[in-house]
Each structure stands twice: as C-alpha cells, then as structure tokens.
C-alpha atoms as a PDB file:
ATOM      1  CA  MET A   1     -44.499 175.608 121.071  1.00  0.00           C
ATOM      2  CA  ALA A   2     -41.664 174.026 119.056  1.00  0.00           C
ATOM      3  CA  SER A   3     -39.400 174.348 122.112  1.00  0.00           C
ATOM      4  CA  VAL A   4     -41.785 172.183 124.167  1.00  0.00           C
ATOM      5  CA  LYS A   5     -41.817 169.521 121.451  1.00  0.00           C
ATOM      6  CA  THR A   6     -38.040 169.613 121.253  1.00  0.00           C
ATOM      7  CA  ASN A   7     -37.731 169.189 125.029  1.00  0.00           C
ATOM      8  CA  VAL A   8     -40.125 166.237 124.965  1.00  0.00           C
ATOM      9  CA  GLU A   9     -38.167 164.635 122.130  1.00  0.00           C
ATOM     10  CA  ILE A  10     -34.914 165.209 124.019  1.00  0.00           C
ATOM     11  CA  ASP A  11     -36.404 163.633 127.164  1.00  0.00           C
ATOM     12  CA  VAL A  12     -37.489 160.566 125.173  1.00  0.00           C
ATOM     13  CA  LEU A  13     -34.076 160.321 123.501  1.00  0.00           C
ATOM     14  CA  ALA A  14     -32.346 160.604 126.888  1.00  0.00           C
ATOM     15  CA  LYS A  15     -34.471 157.730 128.224  1.00  0.00           C
ATOM     16  CA  GLN A  16     -33.649 155.632 125.165  1.00  0.00           C
ATOM     17  CA  LEU A  17     -29.922 156.354 125.410  1.00  0.00           C
ATOM     18  CA  TRP A  18     -29.983 155.487 129.121  1.00  0.00           C
ATOM     19  CA  ALA A  19     -31.643 152.173 128.242  1.00  0.00           C
ATOM     20  CA  LEU A  20     -28.973 151.524 125.610  1.00  0.00           C
ATOM     21  CA  GLY A  21     -26.134 152.508 127.944  1.00  0.00           C
ATOM     22  CA  ASP A  22     -26.067 149.220 129.846  1.00  0.00           C
ATOM     23  CA  PRO A  23     -23.731 146.428 128.698  1.00  0.00           C
ATOM     24  CA  VAL A  24     -26.278 143.703 129.486  1.00  0.00           C
ATOM     25  CA  ARG A  25     -28.975 145.439 127.462  1.00  0.00           C
ATOM     26  CA  LEU A  26     -26.559 145.842 124.560  1.00  0.00           C
ATOM     27  CA  GLN A  27     -25.862 142.089 124.742  1.00  0.00           C
ATOM     28  CA  ILE A  28     -29.609 141.460 124.611  1.00  0.00           C
ATOM     29  CA  LEU A  29     -29.974 143.671 121.551  1.00  0.00           C
ATOM     30  CA  ARG A  30     -27.184 141.781 119.784  1.00  0.00           C
ATOM     31  CA  ILE A  31     -29.119 138.518 119.997  1.00  0.00           C
ATOM     32  CA  LEU A  32     -32.662 139.758 119.410  1.00  0.00           C
ATOM     33  CA  PRO A  33     -34.160 139.288 115.963  1.00  0.00           C
ATOM     34  CA  THR A  34     -35.561 142.185 113.987  1.00  0.00           C
ATOM     35  CA  GLU A  35     -38.873 140.553 113.179  1.00  0.00           C
ATOM     36  CA  PRO A  36     -41.362 138.413 115.100  1.00  0.00           C
ATOM     37  CA  THR A  37     -41.158 134.974 113.541  1.00  0.00           C
ATOM     38  CA  CYS A  38     -41.345 131.599 115.245  1.00  0.00           C
ATOM     39  CA  ASP A  39     -38.177 130.479 113.433  1.00  0.00           C
ATOM     40  CA  ASN A  40     -35.927 132.932 115.253  1.00  0.00           C
ATOM     41  CA  ALA A  41     -38.121 133.676 118.285  1.00  0.00           C
ATOM     42  CA  CYS A  42     -36.425 134.871 121.476  1.00  0.00           C
ATOM     43  CA  ASN A  43     -38.326 134.415 124.714  1.00  0.00           C
ATOM     44  CA  VAL A  44     -37.040 135.304 128.188  1.00  0.00           C
ATOM     45  CA  SER A  45     -35.665 131.816 128.804  1.00  0.00           C
ATOM     46  CA  THR A  46     -33.720 131.766 125.541  1.00  0.00           C
ATOM     47  CA  ILE A  47     -32.307 135.241 126.112  1.00  0.00           C
ATOM     48  CA  ALA A  48     -31.390 134.504 129.748  1.00  0.00           C
ATOM     49  CA  GLU A  49     -29.589 131.328 128.755  1.00  0.00           C
ATOM     50  CA  ARG A  50     -27.653 133.003 125.943  1.00  0.00           C
ATOM     51  CA  ILE A  51     -26.415 135.910 128.086  1.00  0.00           C
ATOM     52  CA  GLY A  52     -25.962 133.952 131.310  1.00  0.00           C
ATOM     53  CA  LEU A  53     -28.459 135.823 133.499  1.00  0.00           C
ATOM     54  CA  SER A  54     -31.388 134.696 135.595  1.00  0.00           C
ATOM     55  CA  GLN A  55     -34.830 134.993 134.050  1.00  0.00           C
ATOM     56  CA  PRO A  56     -35.930 137.731 136.525  1.00  0.00           C
ATOM     57  CA  ALA A  57     -32.833 139.826 135.744  1.00  0.00           C
ATOM     58  CA  THR A  58     -33.359 139.313 132.016  1.00  0.00           C
ATOM     59  CA  SER A  59     -37.027 140.300 132.335  1.00  0.00           C
ATOM     60  CA  HIS A  60     -35.967 143.477 134.124  1.00  0.00           C
ATOM     61  CA  HIS A  61     -33.636 144.469 131.274  1.00  0.00           C
ATOM     62  CA  LEU A  62     -36.249 143.590 128.645  1.00  0.00           C
ATOM     63  CA  ARG A  63     -38.806 145.765 130.446  1.00  0.00           C
ATOM     64  CA  ILE A  64     -36.432 148.748 130.376  1.00  0.00           C
ATOM     65  CA  LEU A  65     -35.783 148.299 126.643  1.00  0.00           C
ATOM     66  CA  ARG A  66     -39.508 147.869 125.977  1.00  0.00           C
ATOM     67  CA  GLN A  67     -40.465 150.954 128.006  1.00  0.00           C
ATOM     68  CA  ALA A  68     -37.870 152.951 126.082  1.00  0.00           C
ATOM     69  CA  GLY A  69     -39.573 151.819 122.870  1.00  0.00           C
ATOM     70  CA  ILE A  70     -36.497 150.077 121.476  1.00  0.00           C
ATOM     71  CA  ILE A  71     -37.907 146.564 121.486  1.00  0.00           C
ATOM     72  CA  THR A  72     -41.384 145.175 121.257  1.00  0.00           C
ATOM     73  CA  ASN A  73     -42.992 141.935 122.266  1.00  0.00           C
ATOM     74  CA  GLU A  74     -45.958 139.746 121.439  1.00  0.00           C
ATOM     75  CA  LYS A  75     -47.484 136.499 122.615  1.00  0.00           C
ATOM     76  CA  LYS A  76     -46.665 134.153 119.756  1.00  0.00           C
ATOM     77  CA  CYS A  77     -45.478 130.600 119.253  1.00  0.00           C
ATOM     78  CA  ARG A  78     -46.758 129.709 122.765  1.00  0.00           C
ATOM     79  CA  ASP A  79     -44.381 132.258 124.335  1.00  0.00           C
ATOM     80  CA  MET A  80     -43.905 135.962 124.777  1.00  0.00           C
ATOM     81  CA  ILE A  81     -41.270 136.766 122.167  1.00  0.00           C
ATOM     82  CA  TYR A  82     -39.156 139.890 121.798  1.00  0.00           C
ATOM     83  CA  TRP A  83     -37.570 141.650 118.842  1.00  0.00           C
ATOM     84  CA  ILE A  84     -35.942 144.965 117.964  1.00  0.00           C
ATOM     85  CA  ASP A  85     -38.233 147.681 116.667  1.00  0.00           C
ATOM     86  CA  LEU A  86     -36.207 148.777 113.638  1.00  0.00           C
ATOM     87  CA  GLU A  87     -38.183 151.997 113.146  1.00  0.00           C
ATOM     88  CA  ALA A  88     -37.551 153.031 116.736  1.00  0.00           C
ATOM     89  CA  ALA A  89     -33.858 152.151 116.457  1.00  0.00           C
ATOM     90  CA  ALA A  90     -33.552 154.209 113.271  1.00  0.00           C
ATOM     91  CA  LEU A  91     -35.268 157.156 114.967  1.00  0.00           C
ATOM     92  CA  VAL A  92     -32.833 156.995 117.910  1.00  0.00           C
ATOM     93  CA  ARG A  93     -29.908 157.047 115.450  1.00  0.00           C
ATOM     94  CA  THR A  94     -31.387 159.986 113.551  1.00  0.00           C
ATOM     95  CA  GLN A  95     -32.206 162.012 116.644  1.00  0.00           C
ATOM     96  CA  LEU A  96     -28.783 161.402 118.174  1.00  0.00           C
ATOM     97  CA  GLY A  97     -27.201 162.523 114.907  1.00  0.00           C
ATOM     98  CA  GLU A  98     -29.245 165.724 115.014  1.00  0.00           C
ATOM     99  CA  VAL A  99     -28.156 166.424 118.588  1.00  0.00           C
ATOM    100  CA  LEU A 100     -24.503 165.839 117.741  1.00  0.00           C
ATOM    101  CA  SER A 101     -24.449 167.858 114.536  1.00  0.00           C
END
C-alpha cells in the first residue's frame, strides 16, 4: 500500500513541478504575496499589468498554479486576490529534496 501512496505523491509533485516549470508562472510567483491582506493584494489585473500579459493569459497561468496547489485565492477587498501557499511551497521543496537524495 505504501507504493500506491508514493506513486500518488510523485504524480502530485510532477504536476506541481510542471506548473513551476514555466517562466511566466515563475514571474507570477515572484510578485505574489505570501498572505492575503488588502495592503499587498494581487488581483488578475495587477498581476497582468506587472508581467505584461493580457488578463485572460494571466488567468490561465493562475489557474494552473492554483490547480497544482501552489497558490490560493479568495474574494477579498472587492476583488479575487491571489497569494502563495507557503505550506504547499515548503512541501514541494521537501518532496523534491527527498526525490533527489
């Protein structure tokens, strides 16, 4: 049974690494905050403007990061805002380290 769990974890990690393997998504992660506050809120418009993409293209990249569990979002401050899920990011780092060791 442990082998099944390991394969599932590896599949999830592979999806997360694929999501992280795009230069645009890495740019997005560099500007996203690590907590959901109105002071440093990042909505799609703000992110699109800062990275020079259209809002639909930015939304596409945000959806991939969200589905991979790397970022999260919430309706707040009159907008849907996005931020990095630090626990998920730490887990990706840990799991990748285990694979590489």
